[in-house]
Each structure stands twice: as structure tokens, then as C-alpha cells.
Amino acid sequence: MKKSAGILLLACAAWLGCQPAPPTPKPRAYPRVEWPDRAYTHFERADCPLSFDYPAFAEIVQREEPCWFDIHIPQFRANLHCSYMPVTSREAFDDLVFDAFVIATKINERANAMEEARISNPNGVGGLALRWSGPAASPVHFFLTDTTQHFFKASLYFESRTAPDSLAPIVDFLMTDIDSLIASFSWK
């Protein structure tokens, strides 16, 4: 009887050992992105002394101040936060630039790297663009100015906690639209 119990135990062990491994979840994949067609809409309002072209797949959402708004891109759950401030003096201009760099410094603390580029367009608009890689709160900031009367700044944020490497293709896609906005930007 001991011999048959041992054979039975060995047969059960062999049978259990031949069972397939329990299923394990697959790793998360990158989300599939549907790229919208490129087309642009012109932005111009009486309460803002500026104009530019923005993507037709985006919408303007007014914020609390008269010339503060978001360019909301629902498909990517992204917002380009935009704000305009008049320059009233050299000290006021210096304060606006300083504030832009205070925010940039905070973002740079978490980012892997920061790229800085001067901006100039044919309409006499100049400024600076900052782009971060890695786990930054915002991948792109820029400001545009004439240094004497006008100061416009914008920053791109996403409404998600998606990993930066997953967002990188979307940021690259939106950079074409941001570059188009900057190239078409002009003061009234």
C-alpha cells in the first residue's frame, strides 16, 4: 500500500508539474495616438494686443484675466497656458523675465536636461524658449516680447501622469504647432 501511495503521489506531482504557468499580466504598452490633420485657426481679439495661428484641433478657453487663456487640446489632454502682461517700465520687464526663470528653475530641479533657444520671427517678435526632458512638470515654456510694451508667456502642461517617454511623441508633434504659433505671432 505504501508503494501505491508513493506512485500516486508521484503521478499527482508529475501531473501538477505539467500544468501551464498561471497567466501573468502583460506590461503596459504605449498608448496608440491618432494624429490630427494639421490646419490652423487665427487668434485675434479686441482685448488682446496680439495675434497668432493655433491648431484647428485645439480650442481657446478663457481664464480669469482679460488676456489670459488656455489653448486646450482635448485629444491629448494638454493645455498651453498663455498669459499677456503689458510692460510698463524696465523694472516691470525685468520682473516678468525673472518670474519666468523662477518657474523654469523649479521645473529644472526634476528634469533630466534643459534646452534653451532664442526666438525671433519676421514680425519683430523675440523671446526665449525652454524645453525639458525627463520627469519635468512641463516640457515646454516660452516667452515673447518687444521688451518695451508687450510680454507674452506660455507653458505646455498635460492633464495626466503619463511617463515622459510616453508623452515624448506627443510633445514632438505639438512642437510643430508651437513653432507655427511663434512664427505667426505679432503685436497689434
Foldseek 3Di string as FASTA:
>chain_A
DVVVVVVVVVVVVVVVVPDDDDDDDDDDDQDDADDDDFDWDKDDDPQAQKIFIFGPQWDWADDDDSAWIWGARVSQQKTKTKDKDWDDDLVSLVVVVVVVVVLVVVQVVQFPDKDKDWDDEPQQKIWMKIATAFPGQFGIKIWIDNSHTIIMIITMGHPDPDGRVSCVVVVVVCVVRVVRRRRGMHGD
